[in-house]
Amino acid sequence: MDNIFKNYRTWCNYLRCKSHLRFQRGCDRQQLKLIYISLYLLIWGEASNIRFMPKCICYIFHNMANEVYEVLFSSVNPLTGDTYVTVAPDDELFLRNVITPIYALLQKVLEVFSTKVADGLKIRFFHAFK
């Protein structure tokens, strides 16, 4: 687990944010580790061109790990241990809160780079953004 999440932990330390790799007391720690690893690999597998921007994958994983934790543990009554059904967020919540900011940032960077390229500076977008 340390090797898979080394980049994610470095990203969290750099941004000074708390890691969302959390483990509830009394839960099967190995099963939760497997869920987090599976989530990371699924994100990486579906990331397409973003897979070459590891900071974006860390950002997506950070948000999704929090969602997974909430799904697994927020629906448990702390007194009885029984589960209850929570209301699902709207279908576009993840798109609005996670993916849209990535594209907005990429659009701003493209606008800045396109003006610099027009001024005669040659900039390679992929390496400059990465």
N, C-alpha and C. Protein backbone atom coordinates (compact mmCIF):
# COMPACT_ATOMS: atom_id res chain seq x y z
N MET A 1 0.83 -1.19 0.00
CA MET A 1 0.00 0.00 0.00
C MET A 1 0.88 1.26 0.00
N ASP A 2 2.01 1.19 0.65
CA ASP A 2 2.89 2.36 0.72
C ASP A 2 3.39 2.76 -0.67
N ASN A 3 3.72 1.78 -1.51
CA ASN A 3 4.23 2.10 -2.84
C ASN A 3 3.15 2.73 -3.72
N ILE A 4 1.93 2.22 -3.63
CA ILE A 4 0.85 2.73 -4.49
C ILE A 4 0.49 4.16 -4.12
N PHE A 5 0.47 4.47 -2.83
CA PHE A 5 0.02 5.79 -2.39
C PHE A 5 1.14 6.74 -2.05
N LYS A 6 2.36 6.41 -2.43
CA LYS A 6 3.50 7.29 -2.15
C LYS A 6 3.30 8.66 -2.80
N ASN A 7 2.90 8.68 -4.07
CA ASN A 7 2.68 9.94 -4.77
C ASN A 7 1.53 10.72 -4.15
N TYR A 8 0.47 10.02 -3.76
CA TYR A 8 -0.68 10.68 -3.14
C TYR A 8 -0.29 11.33 -1.81
N ARG A 9 0.47 10.60 -1.00
CA ARG A 9 0.90 11.16 0.29
C ARG A 9 1.84 12.36 0.10
N THR A 10 2.70 12.29 -0.90
CA THR A 10 3.58 13.41 -1.21
C THR A 10 2.76 14.62 -1.64
N TRP A 11 1.73 14.38 -2.46
CA TRP A 11 0.83 15.44 -2.91
C TRP A 11 0.12 16.07 -1.72
N CYS A 12 -0.39 15.26 -0.79
CA CYS A 12 -1.07 15.78 0.41
C CYS A 12 -0.11 16.62 1.26
N ASN A 13 1.11 16.13 1.44
CA ASN A 13 2.10 16.87 2.23
C ASN A 13 2.44 18.20 1.57
N TYR A 14 2.58 18.19 0.25
CA TYR A 14 2.91 19.41 -0.48
C TYR A 14 1.81 20.45 -0.33
N LEU A 15 0.55 20.00 -0.40
CA LEU A 15 -0.58 20.92 -0.27
C LEU A 15 -0.99 21.18 1.18
N ARG A 16 -0.33 20.47 2.09
CA ARG A 16 -0.64 20.58 3.52
C ARG A 16 -2.11 20.27 3.80
N CYS A 17 -2.60 19.22 3.13
CA CYS A 17 -3.97 18.79 3.39
C CYS A 17 -3.93 17.38 3.98
N LYS A 18 -4.95 17.06 4.72
CA LYS A 18 -5.02 15.76 5.38
C LYS A 18 -5.39 14.68 4.38
N SER A 19 -4.69 13.57 4.45
CA SER A 19 -4.97 12.44 3.56
C SER A 19 -6.36 11.87 3.84
N HIS A 20 -7.03 11.44 2.80
CA HIS A 20 -8.34 10.81 2.97
C HIS A 20 -8.25 9.29 3.03
N LEU A 21 -7.06 8.77 3.27
CA LEU A 21 -6.90 7.35 3.54
C LEU A 21 -7.20 7.14 5.03
N ARG A 22 -8.46 6.93 5.33
CA ARG A 22 -8.88 6.82 6.73
C ARG A 22 -9.40 5.42 7.00
N PHE A 23 -9.20 4.98 8.24
CA PHE A 23 -9.63 3.65 8.65
C PHE A 23 -10.44 3.76 9.94
N GLN A 24 -11.68 3.30 9.87
CA GLN A 24 -12.58 3.32 11.01
C GLN A 24 -12.15 2.26 12.02
N ARG A 25 -12.27 2.58 13.29
CA ARG A 25 -11.95 1.58 14.33
C ARG A 25 -12.95 0.43 14.25
N GLY A 26 -12.44 -0.76 14.42
CA GLY A 26 -13.30 -1.94 14.42
C GLY A 26 -13.64 -2.47 13.04
N CYS A 27 -13.14 -1.82 11.98
CA CYS A 27 -13.43 -2.33 10.63
C CYS A 27 -12.28 -3.23 10.18
N ASP A 28 -12.55 -3.99 9.16
CA ASP A 28 -11.52 -4.86 8.58
C ASP A 28 -10.55 -3.99 7.80
N ARG A 29 -9.39 -3.72 8.37
CA ARG A 29 -8.42 -2.81 7.79
C ARG A 29 -7.92 -3.30 6.42
N GLN A 30 -7.71 -4.60 6.29
CA GLN A 30 -7.22 -5.14 5.04
C GLN A 30 -8.25 -4.95 3.92
N GLN A 31 -9.53 -5.13 4.24
CA GLN A 31 -10.57 -4.95 3.24
C GLN A 31 -10.65 -3.49 2.80
N LEU A 32 -10.52 -2.57 3.74
CA LEU A 32 -10.56 -1.15 3.40
C LEU A 32 -9.33 -0.75 2.58
N LYS A 33 -8.17 -1.31 2.88
CA LYS A 33 -6.98 -1.05 2.06
C LYS A 33 -7.22 -1.52 0.63
N LEU A 34 -7.84 -2.68 0.49
CA LEU A 34 -8.13 -3.22 -0.83
C LEU A 34 -9.11 -2.31 -1.58
N ILE A 35 -10.08 -1.75 -0.89
CA ILE A 35 -11.02 -0.82 -1.51
C ILE A 35 -10.30 0.43 -2.00
N TYR A 36 -9.41 1.00 -1.18
CA TYR A 36 -8.66 2.19 -1.58
C TYR A 36 -7.74 1.90 -2.77
N ILE A 37 -7.06 0.77 -2.74
CA ILE A 37 -6.17 0.41 -3.85
C ILE A 37 -6.98 0.22 -5.12
N SER A 38 -8.10 -0.47 -5.01
CA SER A 38 -8.96 -0.69 -6.17
C SER A 38 -9.46 0.64 -6.73
N LEU A 39 -9.87 1.53 -5.86
CA LEU A 39 -10.34 2.84 -6.29
C LEU A 39 -9.25 3.58 -7.05
N TYR A 40 -8.03 3.59 -6.52
CA TYR A 40 -6.93 4.28 -7.17
C TYR A 40 -6.65 3.69 -8.55
N LEU A 41 -6.62 2.37 -8.64
CA LEU A 41 -6.33 1.73 -9.92
C LEU A 41 -7.47 1.92 -10.91
N LEU A 42 -8.71 1.95 -10.44
CA LEU A 42 -9.83 2.23 -11.33
C LEU A 42 -9.76 3.65 -11.88
N ILE A 43 -9.43 4.60 -11.03
CA ILE A 43 -9.28 5.99 -11.48
C ILE A 43 -8.15 6.08 -12.49
N TRP A 44 -7.03 5.44 -12.20
CA TRP A 44 -5.90 5.49 -13.11
C TRP A 44 -6.27 4.85 -14.45
N GLY A 45 -6.99 3.72 -14.41
CA GLY A 45 -7.37 3.03 -15.63
C GLY A 45 -8.33 3.81 -16.50
N GLU A 46 -9.19 4.62 -15.88
CA GLU A 46 -10.18 5.39 -16.62
C GLU A 46 -9.71 6.81 -16.92
N ALA A 47 -8.52 7.16 -16.50
CA ALA A 47 -8.07 8.55 -16.56
C ALA A 47 -7.70 9.04 -17.96
N SER A 48 -7.48 8.15 -18.89
CA SER A 48 -7.14 8.53 -20.25
C SER A 48 -5.89 9.42 -20.24
N ASN A 49 -5.96 10.61 -20.83
CA ASN A 49 -4.79 11.49 -20.91
C ASN A 49 -4.41 12.10 -19.57
N ILE A 50 -5.36 12.14 -18.64
CA ILE A 50 -5.04 12.71 -17.32
C ILE A 50 -4.06 11.81 -16.56
N ARG A 51 -3.96 10.55 -16.97
CA ARG A 51 -3.04 9.64 -16.29
C ARG A 51 -1.59 10.14 -16.39
N PHE A 52 -1.32 11.02 -17.35
CA PHE A 52 0.02 11.58 -17.50
C PHE A 52 0.19 12.86 -16.67
N MET A 53 -0.83 13.21 -15.90
CA MET A 53 -0.76 14.34 -14.98
C MET A 53 -1.07 13.81 -13.58
N PRO A 54 -0.07 13.27 -12.89
CA PRO A 54 -0.31 12.59 -11.62
C PRO A 54 -0.98 13.46 -10.56
N LYS A 55 -0.79 14.76 -10.63
CA LYS A 55 -1.44 15.64 -9.65
C LYS A 55 -2.95 15.62 -9.82
N CYS A 56 -3.41 15.50 -11.05
CA CYS A 56 -4.85 15.41 -11.30
C CYS A 56 -5.41 14.10 -10.78
N ILE A 57 -4.67 13.02 -10.96
CA ILE A 57 -5.12 11.73 -10.43
C ILE A 57 -5.19 11.78 -8.92
N CYS A 58 -4.22 12.41 -8.29
CA CYS A 58 -4.24 12.56 -6.82
C CYS A 58 -5.45 13.37 -6.39
N TYR A 59 -5.75 14.43 -7.12
CA TYR A 59 -6.90 15.27 -6.79
C TYR A 59 -8.21 14.48 -6.90
N ILE A 60 -8.36 13.72 -7.98
CA ILE A 60 -9.57 12.92 -8.16
C ILE A 60 -9.65 11.85 -7.08
N PHE A 61 -8.54 11.17 -6.81
CA PHE A 61 -8.54 10.13 -5.78
C PHE A 61 -8.87 10.72 -4.41
N HIS A 62 -8.32 11.87 -4.11
CA HIS A 62 -8.55 12.54 -2.83
C HIS A 62 -10.05 12.75 -2.61
N ASN A 63 -10.72 13.23 -3.62
CA ASN A 63 -12.16 13.46 -3.51
C ASN A 63 -12.95 12.16 -3.47
N MET A 64 -12.57 11.19 -4.28
CA MET A 64 -13.30 9.93 -4.31
C MET A 64 -13.07 9.10 -3.06
N ALA A 65 -11.88 9.14 -2.48
CA ALA A 65 -11.62 8.40 -1.24
C ALA A 65 -12.50 8.95 -0.12
N ASN A 66 -12.70 10.25 -0.11
CA ASN A 66 -13.59 10.85 0.88
C ASN A 66 -15.03 10.37 0.65
N GLU A 67 -15.46 10.31 -0.61
CA GLU A 67 -16.81 9.84 -0.93
C GLU A 67 -16.99 8.38 -0.50
N VAL A 68 -15.99 7.54 -0.79
CA VAL A 68 -16.08 6.13 -0.42
C VAL A 68 -16.18 5.98 1.09
N TYR A 69 -15.37 6.73 1.81
CA TYR A 69 -15.41 6.66 3.27
C TYR A 69 -16.80 7.05 3.80
N GLU A 70 -17.35 8.11 3.24
CA GLU A 70 -18.67 8.55 3.67
C GLU A 70 -19.73 7.52 3.34
N VAL A 71 -19.65 6.90 2.18
CA VAL A 71 -20.62 5.87 1.81
C VAL A 71 -20.51 4.68 2.76
N LEU A 72 -19.29 4.29 3.09
CA LEU A 72 -19.11 3.11 3.94
C LEU A 72 -19.45 3.35 5.40
N PHE A 73 -19.17 4.55 5.92
CA PHE A 73 -19.26 4.73 7.36
C PHE A 73 -20.24 5.80 7.84
N SER A 74 -20.73 6.65 6.97
CA SER A 74 -21.62 7.69 7.46
C SER A 74 -23.05 7.19 7.63
N SER A 75 -23.37 6.03 7.09
CA SER A 75 -24.73 5.53 7.21
C SER A 75 -24.89 4.54 8.38
N VAL A 76 -23.95 4.57 9.31
CA VAL A 76 -24.02 3.67 10.46
C VAL A 76 -24.41 4.48 11.69
N ASN A 77 -25.44 4.03 12.36
CA ASN A 77 -25.88 4.68 13.59
C ASN A 77 -24.84 4.40 14.67
N PRO A 78 -24.25 5.41 15.29
CA PRO A 78 -23.18 5.18 16.26
C PRO A 78 -23.65 4.47 17.53
N LEU A 79 -24.92 4.58 17.84
CA LEU A 79 -25.43 3.93 19.06
C LEU A 79 -25.77 2.47 18.85
N THR A 80 -26.46 2.16 17.78
CA THR A 80 -26.93 0.79 17.57
C THR A 80 -26.08 -0.01 16.60
N GLY A 81 -25.36 0.67 15.71
CA GLY A 81 -24.57 -0.02 14.70
C GLY A 81 -25.38 -0.39 13.48
N ASP A 82 -26.68 -0.08 13.50
CA ASP A 82 -27.54 -0.36 12.35
C ASP A 82 -27.24 0.63 11.24
N THR A 83 -27.51 0.21 10.02
CA THR A 83 -27.32 1.11 8.89
C THR A 83 -28.65 1.73 8.50
N TYR A 84 -28.57 2.90 7.95
CA TYR A 84 -29.76 3.56 7.44
C TYR A 84 -29.44 4.14 6.07
N VAL A 85 -30.47 4.32 5.30
CA VAL A 85 -30.30 4.78 3.93
C VAL A 85 -30.17 6.29 3.92
N THR A 86 -29.11 6.77 3.24
CA THR A 86 -28.94 8.21 3.08
C THR A 86 -29.44 8.63 1.71
N VAL A 87 -29.76 9.87 1.57
CA VAL A 87 -30.23 10.38 0.29
C VAL A 87 -29.02 10.55 -0.62
N ALA A 88 -29.11 9.98 -1.81
CA ALA A 88 -28.02 10.08 -2.77
C ALA A 88 -27.93 11.50 -3.32
N PRO A 89 -26.71 12.03 -3.49
CA PRO A 89 -26.57 13.36 -4.09
C PRO A 89 -27.00 13.31 -5.55
N ASP A 90 -27.17 14.46 -6.14
CA ASP A 90 -27.58 14.47 -7.54
C ASP A 90 -26.49 13.87 -8.42
N ASP A 91 -26.88 13.48 -9.61
CA ASP A 91 -25.98 12.75 -10.51
C ASP A 91 -24.77 13.57 -10.97
N GLU A 92 -24.86 14.87 -10.93
CA GLU A 92 -23.79 15.70 -11.47
C GLU A 92 -22.88 16.29 -10.39
N LEU A 93 -23.04 15.87 -9.15
CA LEU A 93 -22.25 16.44 -8.05
C LEU A 93 -20.75 16.25 -8.26
N PHE A 94 -20.31 15.03 -8.59
CA PHE A 94 -18.89 14.76 -8.80
C PHE A 94 -18.37 15.54 -10.00
N LEU A 95 -19.16 15.57 -11.05
CA LEU A 95 -18.76 16.31 -12.24
C LEU A 95 -18.57 17.80 -11.93
N ARG A 96 -19.49 18.37 -11.17
CA ARG A 96 -19.42 19.80 -10.83
C ARG A 96 -18.28 20.10 -9.86
N ASN A 97 -18.09 19.26 -8.86
CA ASN A 97 -17.15 19.59 -7.78
C ASN A 97 -15.73 19.10 -8.02
N VAL A 98 -15.53 18.12 -8.90
CA VAL A 98 -14.19 17.56 -9.08
C VAL A 98 -13.68 17.75 -10.51
N ILE A 99 -14.43 17.31 -11.47
CA ILE A 99 -13.95 17.33 -12.86
C ILE A 99 -13.99 18.74 -13.46
N THR A 100 -15.07 19.48 -13.23
CA THR A 100 -15.18 20.82 -13.80
C THR A 100 -14.04 21.74 -13.37
N PRO A 101 -13.62 21.74 -12.09
CA PRO A 101 -12.46 22.59 -11.73
C PRO A 101 -11.18 22.22 -12.48
N ILE A 102 -10.99 20.93 -12.78
CA ILE A 102 -9.81 20.52 -13.55
C ILE A 102 -9.86 21.14 -14.94
N TYR A 103 -11.01 21.03 -15.59
CA TYR A 103 -11.13 21.58 -16.93
C TYR A 103 -11.06 23.11 -16.93
N ALA A 104 -11.60 23.73 -15.89
CA ALA A 104 -11.51 25.19 -15.81
C ALA A 104 -10.04 25.63 -15.69
N LEU A 105 -9.28 24.92 -14.88
CA LEU A 105 -7.85 25.22 -14.74
C LEU A 105 -7.12 25.01 -16.06
N LEU A 106 -7.40 23.89 -16.72
CA LEU A 106 -6.75 23.62 -18.01
C LEU A 106 -7.09 24.71 -19.04
N GLN A 107 -8.33 25.18 -19.02
CA GLN A 107 -8.74 26.23 -19.95
C GLN A 107 -7.98 27.53 -19.68
N LYS A 108 -7.83 27.89 -18.41
CA LYS A 108 -7.09 29.10 -18.06
C LYS A 108 -5.62 28.99 -18.49
N VAL A 109 -5.03 27.82 -18.25
CA VAL A 109 -3.64 27.61 -18.62
C VAL A 109 -3.48 27.69 -20.13
N LEU A 110 -4.41 27.09 -20.87
CA LEU A 110 -4.36 27.16 -22.33
C LEU A 110 -4.45 28.60 -22.83
N GLU A 111 -5.31 29.40 -22.20
CA GLU A 111 -5.45 30.80 -22.61
C GLU A 111 -4.14 31.56 -22.39
N VAL A 112 -3.51 31.33 -21.25
CA VAL A 112 -2.24 32.00 -20.94
C VAL A 112 -1.16 31.56 -21.93
N PHE A 113 -1.07 30.24 -22.16
CA PHE A 113 -0.05 29.73 -23.07
C PHE A 113 -0.30 30.17 -24.50
N SER A 114 -1.56 30.26 -24.90
CA SER A 114 -1.84 30.67 -26.28
C SER A 114 -1.43 32.12 -26.52
N THR A 115 -1.57 32.97 -25.51
CA THR A 115 -1.12 34.37 -25.68
C THR A 115 0.40 34.43 -25.72
N LYS A 116 1.08 33.57 -24.95
CA LYS A 116 2.55 33.57 -24.97
C LYS A 116 3.08 33.01 -26.28
N VAL A 117 2.39 32.01 -26.83
CA VAL A 117 2.81 31.46 -28.11
C VAL A 117 2.61 32.50 -29.20
N ALA A 118 1.55 33.28 -29.09
CA ALA A 118 1.31 34.34 -30.07
C ALA A 118 2.40 35.41 -30.00
N ASP A 119 3.01 35.57 -28.82
CA ASP A 119 4.08 36.55 -28.65
C ASP A 119 5.44 36.01 -29.11
N GLY A 120 5.46 34.78 -29.59
CA GLY A 120 6.71 34.24 -30.12
C GLY A 120 7.42 33.27 -29.20
N LEU A 121 6.88 33.00 -28.02
CA LEU A 121 7.51 32.03 -27.12
C LEU A 121 6.99 30.64 -27.44
N LYS A 122 7.89 29.69 -27.55
CA LYS A 122 7.46 28.32 -27.81
C LYS A 122 7.34 27.59 -26.47
N ILE A 123 6.14 27.13 -26.20
CA ILE A 123 5.90 26.42 -24.94
C ILE A 123 5.23 25.10 -25.26
N ARG A 124 5.72 24.07 -24.68
CA ARG A 124 5.09 22.76 -24.84
C ARG A 124 4.10 22.60 -23.70
N PHE A 125 2.84 22.56 -24.05
CA PHE A 125 1.77 22.58 -23.05
C PHE A 125 1.87 21.41 -22.08
N PHE A 126 2.06 20.21 -22.59
CA PHE A 126 2.02 19.04 -21.73
C PHE A 126 3.08 19.11 -20.64
N HIS A 127 4.32 19.38 -21.01
CA HIS A 127 5.40 19.41 -20.03
C HIS A 127 5.32 20.63 -19.13
N ALA A 128 4.83 21.72 -19.63
CA ALA A 128 4.71 22.91 -18.80
C ALA A 128 3.63 22.73 -17.74
N PHE A 129 2.54 22.08 -18.10
CA PHE A 129 1.46 21.90 -17.13
C PHE A 129 1.76 20.82 -16.13
N LYS A 130 2.42 19.77 -16.58
CA LYS A 130 2.72 18.64 -15.72
C LYS A 130 3.62 19.08 -14.60
